Amino acid sequence: MKKFLFLIMIVAIFIAFYEQNTAKPNVIITCIALVVFMFGMIKLSAKIPPKDTEDDHKDI
């Protein structure tokens, strides 16, 4: 699943950059590509555990 998300994100960013280099860039295609990229980043970062835990915030 993680490799599939990486592939989708790379394709989305490639499409966004390619669309910006055309003579008349289509804003809708660029926005859709960026939304797909951000959705992939959210899905991947959701699996990273938080750095701080509840035990670190004990009052002395």
N, C-alpha and C. Protein backbone atom coordinates (compact mmCIF):
# COMPACT_ATOMS: atom_id res chain seq x y z
N MET A 1 0.83 -1.19 0.00
CA MET A 1 0.00 0.00 0.00
C MET A 1 0.87 1.26 0.00
N LYS A 2 1.97 1.22 0.79
CA LYS A 2 2.84 2.38 0.88
C LYS A 2 3.52 2.65 -0.46
N LYS A 3 3.94 1.60 -1.15
CA LYS A 3 4.59 1.77 -2.45
C LYS A 3 3.61 2.32 -3.47
N PHE A 4 2.35 1.89 -3.38
CA PHE A 4 1.32 2.38 -4.29
C PHE A 4 1.07 3.88 -4.06
N LEU A 5 1.04 4.30 -2.79
CA LEU A 5 0.86 5.72 -2.49
C LEU A 5 2.03 6.56 -3.00
N PHE A 6 3.25 6.04 -2.83
CA PHE A 6 4.42 6.75 -3.35
C PHE A 6 4.31 6.92 -4.86
N LEU A 7 3.91 5.88 -5.55
CA LEU A 7 3.79 5.94 -7.00
C LEU A 7 2.74 6.96 -7.42
N ILE A 8 1.58 6.94 -6.78
CA ILE A 8 0.51 7.89 -7.09
C ILE A 8 0.97 9.33 -6.81
N MET A 9 1.68 9.54 -5.71
CA MET A 9 2.15 10.88 -5.36
C MET A 9 3.18 11.39 -6.36
N ILE A 10 4.09 10.53 -6.78
CA ILE A 10 5.10 10.93 -7.75
C ILE A 10 4.45 11.27 -9.09
N VAL A 11 3.49 10.48 -9.51
CA VAL A 11 2.79 10.76 -10.77
C VAL A 11 2.02 12.07 -10.66
N ALA A 12 1.38 12.33 -9.53
CA ALA A 12 0.62 13.56 -9.36
C ALA A 12 1.53 14.79 -9.42
N ILE A 13 2.66 14.74 -8.77
CA ILE A 13 3.58 15.88 -8.80
C ILE A 13 4.17 16.05 -10.19
N PHE A 14 4.48 14.95 -10.88
CA PHE A 14 4.98 15.05 -12.25
C PHE A 14 3.94 15.72 -13.14
N ILE A 15 2.67 15.36 -12.99
CA ILE A 15 1.61 15.97 -13.79
C ILE A 15 1.49 17.46 -13.47
N ALA A 16 1.58 17.80 -12.19
CA ALA A 16 1.48 19.22 -11.80
C ALA A 16 2.63 20.03 -12.40
N PHE A 17 3.85 19.52 -12.31
CA PHE A 17 4.99 20.24 -12.89
C PHE A 17 4.92 20.30 -14.41
N TYR A 18 4.51 19.22 -15.02
CA TYR A 18 4.39 19.20 -16.48
C TYR A 18 3.32 20.19 -16.95
N GLU A 19 2.24 20.26 -16.23
CA GLU A 19 1.15 21.17 -16.61
C GLU A 19 1.60 22.62 -16.48
N GLN A 20 2.44 22.93 -15.53
CA GLN A 20 2.93 24.30 -15.37
C GLN A 20 3.89 24.70 -16.48
N ASN A 21 4.52 23.74 -17.13
CA ASN A 21 5.48 24.05 -18.19
C ASN A 21 4.84 24.16 -19.57
N THR A 22 3.54 23.92 -19.69
CA THR A 22 2.87 24.05 -20.98
C THR A 22 2.62 25.52 -21.27
N ALA A 23 2.24 25.80 -22.53
CA ALA A 23 2.00 27.19 -22.94
C ALA A 23 0.82 27.80 -22.18
N LYS A 24 -0.27 27.03 -22.03
CA LYS A 24 -1.43 27.50 -21.27
C LYS A 24 -1.72 26.47 -20.17
N PRO A 25 -1.15 26.67 -18.97
CA PRO A 25 -1.38 25.68 -17.91
C PRO A 25 -2.84 25.69 -17.44
N ASN A 26 -3.38 24.51 -17.24
CA ASN A 26 -4.74 24.37 -16.75
C ASN A 26 -4.68 24.31 -15.22
N VAL A 27 -5.32 25.28 -14.59
CA VAL A 27 -5.27 25.41 -13.14
C VAL A 27 -6.00 24.25 -12.47
N ILE A 28 -7.06 23.78 -13.07
CA ILE A 28 -7.86 22.69 -12.46
C ILE A 28 -7.02 21.41 -12.37
N ILE A 29 -6.30 21.08 -13.43
CA ILE A 29 -5.47 19.87 -13.42
C ILE A 29 -4.37 20.00 -12.37
N THR A 30 -3.77 21.17 -12.28
CA THR A 30 -2.72 21.39 -11.28
C THR A 30 -3.28 21.26 -9.87
N CYS A 31 -4.45 21.82 -9.62
CA CYS A 31 -5.06 21.73 -8.28
C CYS A 31 -5.42 20.30 -7.93
N ILE A 32 -5.95 19.56 -8.89
CA ILE A 32 -6.30 18.16 -8.64
C ILE A 32 -5.05 17.35 -8.32
N ALA A 33 -3.97 17.60 -9.05
CA ALA A 33 -2.72 16.89 -8.81
C ALA A 33 -2.18 17.21 -7.41
N LEU A 34 -2.28 18.47 -7.00
CA LEU A 34 -1.79 18.84 -5.67
C LEU A 34 -2.67 18.26 -4.57
N VAL A 35 -3.98 18.18 -4.80
CA VAL A 35 -4.86 17.57 -3.82
C VAL A 35 -4.54 16.08 -3.65
N VAL A 36 -4.29 15.40 -4.77
CA VAL A 36 -3.92 13.99 -4.71
C VAL A 36 -2.60 13.81 -3.94
N PHE A 37 -1.64 14.70 -4.20
CA PHE A 37 -0.37 14.64 -3.49
C PHE A 37 -0.56 14.86 -1.99
N MET A 38 -1.35 15.86 -1.62
CA MET A 38 -1.57 16.15 -0.21
C MET A 38 -2.33 15.01 0.47
N PHE A 39 -3.30 14.42 -0.21
CA PHE A 39 -4.02 13.27 0.34
C PHE A 39 -3.06 12.12 0.62
N GLY A 40 -2.13 11.88 -0.31
CA GLY A 40 -1.13 10.83 -0.10
C GLY A 40 -0.22 11.14 1.07
N MET A 41 0.18 12.40 1.22
CA MET A 41 1.03 12.78 2.36
C MET A 41 0.29 12.60 3.68
N ILE A 42 -0.99 12.93 3.71
CA ILE A 42 -1.77 12.75 4.93
C ILE A 42 -1.86 11.28 5.28
N LYS A 43 -2.12 10.43 4.28
CA LYS A 43 -2.22 8.99 4.53
C LYS A 43 -0.91 8.42 5.03
N LEU A 44 0.22 8.87 4.45
CA LEU A 44 1.51 8.34 4.88
C LEU A 44 1.91 8.86 6.26
N SER A 45 1.62 10.12 6.55
CA SER A 45 2.04 10.68 7.83
C SER A 45 1.13 10.22 8.97
N ALA A 46 -0.03 9.71 8.68
CA ALA A 46 -0.93 9.23 9.73
C ALA A 46 -0.36 7.98 10.41
N LYS A 47 0.51 7.27 9.74
CA LYS A 47 1.09 6.04 10.29
C LYS A 47 2.31 6.30 11.16
N ILE A 48 2.80 7.53 11.21
CA ILE A 48 3.95 7.88 12.02
C ILE A 48 3.47 8.17 13.44
N PRO A 49 4.02 7.50 14.44
CA PRO A 49 3.56 7.75 15.81
C PRO A 49 4.01 9.13 16.30
N PRO A 50 3.25 9.71 17.20
CA PRO A 50 3.64 11.03 17.73
C PRO A 50 4.92 10.94 18.55
N LYS A 51 5.66 12.02 18.56
CA LYS A 51 6.93 12.03 19.28
C LYS A 51 6.70 12.14 20.79
N ASP A 52 5.76 12.97 21.20
CA ASP A 52 5.49 13.15 22.62
C ASP A 52 4.44 12.16 23.08
N THR A 53 4.60 11.69 24.32
CA THR A 53 3.61 10.80 24.91
C THR A 53 3.01 11.48 26.14
N GLU A 54 1.96 10.92 26.66
CA GLU A 54 1.30 11.49 27.83
C GLU A 54 2.18 11.42 29.07
N ASP A 55 3.08 10.45 29.15
CA ASP A 55 3.94 10.29 30.32
C ASP A 55 4.95 11.42 30.43
N ASP A 56 5.28 12.05 29.34
CA ASP A 56 6.27 13.12 29.38
C ASP A 56 5.72 14.40 30.00
N HIS A 57 4.43 14.53 30.13
CA HIS A 57 3.82 15.77 30.59
C HIS A 57 3.32 15.68 32.04
N LYS A 58 3.94 14.85 32.83
CA LYS A 58 3.54 14.75 34.23
C LYS A 58 3.98 16.00 35.00
N ASP A 59 3.10 16.46 35.87
CA ASP A 59 3.44 17.60 36.72
C ASP A 59 4.31 17.15 37.88
N ILE A 60 5.25 17.98 38.24
CA ILE A 60 6.15 17.63 39.35
C ILE A 60 5.59 18.18 40.64
